[in-house]
């Protein structure tokens, strides 16, 4: 997908602060908000999912990821159905 990552997107974690060996690699996350720009990593997104490991080693439901560490996924089938329902209601 060529469209930039935005809030509400589902993404696959493909890298992290430990490169391709991080504990979150392979997890699917939901992007919730833009946290800002990092001097080395660029745009940083707050994402949520069960059992995410933060850069401090804490396990929780939210963590921050550079955009380059995320691979955008197509919308989940229920997300697509909701989008269609919203269009039809408009």
N, C-alpha and C. Protein backbone atom coordinates (compact mmCIF):
# COMPACT_ATOMS: atom_id res chain seq x y z
N UNK A 1 0.85 -1.18 0.00
CA UNK A 1 0.00 0.00 0.00
C UNK A 1 0.90 1.23 0.00
N UNK A 2 0.59 2.17 -0.86
CA UNK A 2 1.43 3.35 -1.03
C UNK A 2 0.97 4.54 -0.20
N UNK A 3 -0.24 4.50 0.30
CA UNK A 3 -0.76 5.61 1.10
C UNK A 3 -0.01 5.69 2.43
N UNK A 4 0.34 6.90 2.87
CA UNK A 4 1.06 7.03 4.15
C UNK A 4 0.23 6.51 5.33
N UNK A 5 0.92 6.11 6.37
CA UNK A 5 0.26 5.64 7.59
C UNK A 5 -0.48 6.80 8.24
N UNK A 6 -1.67 6.48 8.78
CA UNK A 6 -2.48 7.49 9.49
C UNK A 6 -3.20 6.82 10.65
N UNK A 7 -3.75 7.62 11.53
CA UNK A 7 -4.52 7.09 12.66
C UNK A 7 -5.64 6.20 12.14
N UNK A 8 -5.84 5.08 12.82
CA UNK A 8 -6.88 4.14 12.43
C UNK A 8 -6.39 3.01 11.55
N UNK A 9 -5.16 3.10 11.04
CA UNK A 9 -4.62 2.04 10.18
C UNK A 9 -4.18 0.83 11.00
N UNK A 10 -4.30 -0.33 10.40
CA UNK A 10 -3.72 -1.55 10.96
C UNK A 10 -2.36 -1.73 10.31
N UNK A 11 -1.35 -2.09 11.10
CA UNK A 11 0.00 -2.26 10.58
C UNK A 11 0.65 -3.50 11.18
N UNK A 12 1.59 -4.04 10.43
CA UNK A 12 2.43 -5.13 10.89
C UNK A 12 3.75 -4.53 11.34
N UNK A 13 4.22 -4.89 12.52
CA UNK A 13 5.52 -4.40 13.01
C UNK A 13 6.61 -5.22 12.32
N UNK A 14 7.47 -4.54 11.56
CA UNK A 14 8.53 -5.21 10.80
C UNK A 14 9.92 -4.90 11.34
N UNK A 15 10.03 -3.94 12.25
CA UNK A 15 11.32 -3.58 12.84
C UNK A 15 11.06 -2.84 14.15
N UNK A 16 12.14 -2.47 14.82
CA UNK A 16 12.01 -1.74 16.07
C UNK A 16 13.36 -1.18 16.48
N UNK A 17 13.45 -0.71 17.69
CA UNK A 17 14.70 -0.12 18.16
C UNK A 17 15.84 -1.14 18.21
N UNK A 18 15.51 -2.44 18.20
CA UNK A 18 16.52 -3.50 18.16
C UNK A 18 16.68 -4.07 16.75
N UNK A 19 16.25 -3.31 15.76
CA UNK A 19 16.31 -3.78 14.38
C UNK A 19 15.24 -4.83 14.13
N UNK A 20 15.64 -5.92 13.47
CA UNK A 20 14.66 -6.96 13.13
C UNK A 20 14.60 -8.07 14.18
N UNK A 21 15.14 -7.81 15.37
CA UNK A 21 15.15 -8.81 16.44
C UNK A 21 14.30 -8.40 17.64
N UNK A 22 13.51 -7.37 17.51
CA UNK A 22 12.72 -6.87 18.64
C UNK A 22 11.56 -7.78 19.01
N UNK A 23 11.05 -7.63 20.22
CA UNK A 23 9.97 -8.47 20.72
C UNK A 23 8.61 -8.21 20.07
N UNK A 24 8.46 -7.09 19.37
CA UNK A 24 7.17 -6.77 18.75
C UNK A 24 7.11 -7.16 17.27
N UNK A 25 8.21 -7.67 16.72
CA UNK A 25 8.24 -8.04 15.31
C UNK A 25 7.15 -9.08 15.04
N UNK A 26 6.37 -8.84 13.99
CA UNK A 26 5.32 -9.77 13.59
C UNK A 26 3.97 -9.50 14.21
N UNK A 27 3.90 -8.57 15.14
CA UNK A 27 2.61 -8.25 15.77
C UNK A 27 1.82 -7.28 14.91
N UNK A 28 0.51 -7.43 14.93
CA UNK A 28 -0.38 -6.50 14.25
C UNK A 28 -0.84 -5.46 15.26
N UNK A 29 -0.71 -4.18 14.89
CA UNK A 29 -1.06 -3.08 15.78
C UNK A 29 -2.07 -2.15 15.11
N UNK A 30 -2.75 -1.37 15.92
CA UNK A 30 -3.65 -0.33 15.43
C UNK A 30 -3.00 1.01 15.73
N UNK A 31 -2.82 1.82 14.70
CA UNK A 31 -2.22 3.15 14.85
C UNK A 31 -3.26 4.08 15.45
N UNK A 32 -2.88 4.77 16.56
CA UNK A 32 -3.86 5.63 17.22
C UNK A 32 -3.55 7.12 17.10
N UNK A 33 -2.27 7.50 17.18
CA UNK A 33 -1.98 8.93 17.12
C UNK A 33 -0.52 9.20 16.74
N UNK A 34 -0.30 10.36 16.15
CA UNK A 34 1.04 10.82 15.81
C UNK A 34 1.66 11.44 17.05
N UNK A 35 2.85 10.96 17.42
CA UNK A 35 3.52 11.46 18.61
C UNK A 35 4.52 12.56 18.31
N UNK A 36 4.96 12.66 17.06
CA UNK A 36 5.91 13.70 16.69
C UNK A 36 6.98 13.16 15.76
N UNK A 37 8.04 13.95 15.61
CA UNK A 37 9.15 13.61 14.73
C UNK A 37 10.40 13.34 15.56
N UNK A 38 11.07 12.26 15.27
CA UNK A 38 12.33 11.91 15.93
C UNK A 38 13.48 12.32 15.01
N UNK A 39 14.58 12.80 15.59
CA UNK A 39 15.69 13.32 14.78
C UNK A 39 16.33 12.24 13.91
N UNK A 40 16.30 10.98 14.32
CA UNK A 40 16.89 9.91 13.52
C UNK A 40 15.86 9.01 12.85
N UNK A 41 14.75 8.76 13.53
CA UNK A 41 13.78 7.78 13.04
C UNK A 41 12.61 8.39 12.28
N UNK A 42 12.48 9.70 12.30
CA UNK A 42 11.37 10.34 11.58
C UNK A 42 10.07 10.30 12.36
N UNK A 43 8.98 10.15 11.64
CA UNK A 43 7.64 10.20 12.24
C UNK A 43 7.42 9.03 13.19
N UNK A 44 6.92 9.34 14.40
CA UNK A 44 6.68 8.34 15.44
C UNK A 44 5.17 8.24 15.69
N UNK A 45 4.68 6.99 15.65
CA UNK A 45 3.26 6.72 15.85
C UNK A 45 3.03 5.94 17.13
N UNK A 46 1.99 6.30 17.88
CA UNK A 46 1.54 5.52 19.03
C UNK A 46 0.60 4.45 18.48
N UNK A 47 0.85 3.21 18.87
CA UNK A 47 0.06 2.07 18.41
C UNK A 47 -0.41 1.25 19.60
N UNK A 48 -1.51 0.55 19.41
CA UNK A 48 -2.04 -0.30 20.47
C UNK A 48 -2.24 -1.72 19.97
N UNK A 49 -2.05 -2.67 20.89
CA UNK A 49 -2.26 -4.09 20.66
C UNK A 49 -1.98 -4.79 21.99
N UNK A 50 -2.47 -5.98 22.17
CA UNK A 50 -2.16 -6.71 23.41
C UNK A 50 -0.68 -7.06 23.48
N UNK A 51 -0.12 -7.03 24.66
CA UNK A 51 1.23 -7.52 24.94
C UNK A 51 2.35 -6.85 24.13
N UNK A 52 2.28 -5.53 23.97
CA UNK A 52 3.39 -4.82 23.33
C UNK A 52 4.49 -4.56 24.35
N UNK A 53 5.72 -4.62 23.90
CA UNK A 53 6.87 -4.35 24.75
C UNK A 53 7.40 -2.97 24.40
N UNK A 54 7.44 -2.06 25.37
CA UNK A 54 7.92 -0.70 25.12
C UNK A 54 9.44 -0.68 25.09
N UNK A 55 10.01 0.47 24.74
CA UNK A 55 11.47 0.60 24.71
C UNK A 55 12.09 0.47 26.10
N UNK A 56 11.29 0.60 27.14
CA UNK A 56 11.77 0.42 28.52
C UNK A 56 11.62 -1.02 29.00
N UNK A 57 11.07 -1.90 28.15
CA UNK A 57 10.89 -3.29 28.52
C UNK A 57 9.60 -3.58 29.25
N UNK A 58 8.72 -2.60 29.35
CA UNK A 58 7.44 -2.77 30.04
C UNK A 58 6.44 -3.38 29.05
N UNK A 59 5.66 -4.35 29.51
CA UNK A 59 4.63 -4.95 28.67
C UNK A 59 3.32 -4.22 28.92
N UNK A 60 2.69 -3.79 27.84
CA UNK A 60 1.44 -3.06 27.96
C UNK A 60 0.64 -3.15 26.67
N UNK A 61 -0.30 -2.22 26.52
CA UNK A 61 -1.17 -2.22 25.34
C UNK A 61 -0.84 -1.10 24.36
N UNK A 62 0.13 -0.25 24.68
CA UNK A 62 0.50 0.85 23.79
C UNK A 62 2.02 0.97 23.72
N UNK A 63 2.52 1.30 22.54
CA UNK A 63 3.95 1.53 22.35
C UNK A 63 4.12 2.47 21.16
N UNK A 64 5.28 3.09 21.07
CA UNK A 64 5.57 4.02 19.98
C UNK A 64 6.48 3.36 18.96
N UNK A 65 6.18 3.61 17.67
CA UNK A 65 6.92 3.01 16.57
C UNK A 65 7.22 4.07 15.51
N UNK A 66 8.44 4.01 14.95
CA UNK A 66 8.75 4.85 13.80
C UNK A 66 7.94 4.33 12.61
N UNK A 67 7.56 5.22 11.72
CA UNK A 67 6.79 4.82 10.55
C UNK A 67 7.53 3.75 9.74
N UNK A 68 8.85 3.83 9.70
CA UNK A 68 9.63 2.86 8.92
C UNK A 68 9.63 1.46 9.56
N UNK A 69 9.18 1.35 10.80
CA UNK A 69 9.10 0.06 11.49
C UNK A 69 7.75 -0.61 11.26
N UNK A 70 6.85 0.06 10.56
CA UNK A 70 5.49 -0.43 10.36
C UNK A 70 5.22 -0.67 8.88
N UNK A 71 4.49 -1.75 8.61
CA UNK A 71 4.03 -2.03 7.25
C UNK A 71 2.51 -1.97 7.27
N UNK A 72 1.97 -1.05 6.51
CA UNK A 72 0.52 -0.86 6.49
C UNK A 72 -0.16 -2.10 5.93
N UNK A 73 -1.24 -2.51 6.59
CA UNK A 73 -2.02 -3.67 6.17
C UNK A 73 -3.35 -3.20 5.59
N UNK A 74 -3.96 -4.03 4.74
CA UNK A 74 -5.30 -3.66 4.25
C UNK A 74 -6.28 -3.65 5.42
N UNK A 75 -7.36 -2.91 5.29
CA UNK A 75 -8.35 -2.88 6.38
C UNK A 75 -8.87 -4.27 6.66
N UNK A 76 -9.16 -4.54 7.92
CA UNK A 76 -9.77 -5.82 8.31
C UNK A 76 -11.16 -5.90 7.69
N UNK A 77 -11.67 -7.10 7.41
CA UNK A 77 -13.00 -7.22 6.79
C UNK A 77 -14.09 -6.46 7.54
N UNK A 78 -14.07 -6.48 8.88
CA UNK A 78 -15.10 -5.74 9.62
C UNK A 78 -14.92 -4.23 9.45
N UNK A 79 -13.67 -3.75 9.28
CA UNK A 79 -13.43 -2.33 9.03
C UNK A 79 -13.98 -1.93 7.67
N UNK A 80 -13.80 -2.81 6.68
CA UNK A 80 -14.31 -2.53 5.34
C UNK A 80 -15.83 -2.49 5.34
N UNK A 81 -16.46 -3.42 6.05
CA UNK A 81 -17.92 -3.45 6.13
C UNK A 81 -18.44 -2.18 6.79
N UNK A 82 -17.76 -1.72 7.85
CA UNK A 82 -18.15 -0.50 8.53
C UNK A 82 -18.02 0.70 7.59
N UNK A 83 -16.94 0.76 6.81
CA UNK A 83 -16.75 1.87 5.87
C UNK A 83 -17.86 1.88 4.82
N UNK A 84 -18.24 0.69 4.33
CA UNK A 84 -19.33 0.60 3.34
C UNK A 84 -20.63 1.06 3.97
N UNK A 85 -20.92 0.63 5.20
CA UNK A 85 -22.13 1.04 5.90
C UNK A 85 -22.17 2.56 6.07
N UNK A 86 -21.04 3.15 6.40
CA UNK A 86 -20.98 4.62 6.59
C UNK A 86 -21.24 5.33 5.27
N UNK A 87 -20.71 4.82 4.18
CA UNK A 87 -20.93 5.45 2.86
C UNK A 87 -22.40 5.37 2.48
N UNK A 88 -23.03 4.22 2.74
CA UNK A 88 -24.42 4.04 2.38
C UNK A 88 -25.32 4.93 3.23
N UNK A 89 -24.92 5.19 4.48
CA UNK A 89 -25.72 6.03 5.37
C UNK A 89 -25.61 7.50 5.02
N UNK A 90 -24.55 7.88 4.34
CA UNK A 90 -24.31 9.31 4.01
C UNK A 90 -25.18 9.78 2.87
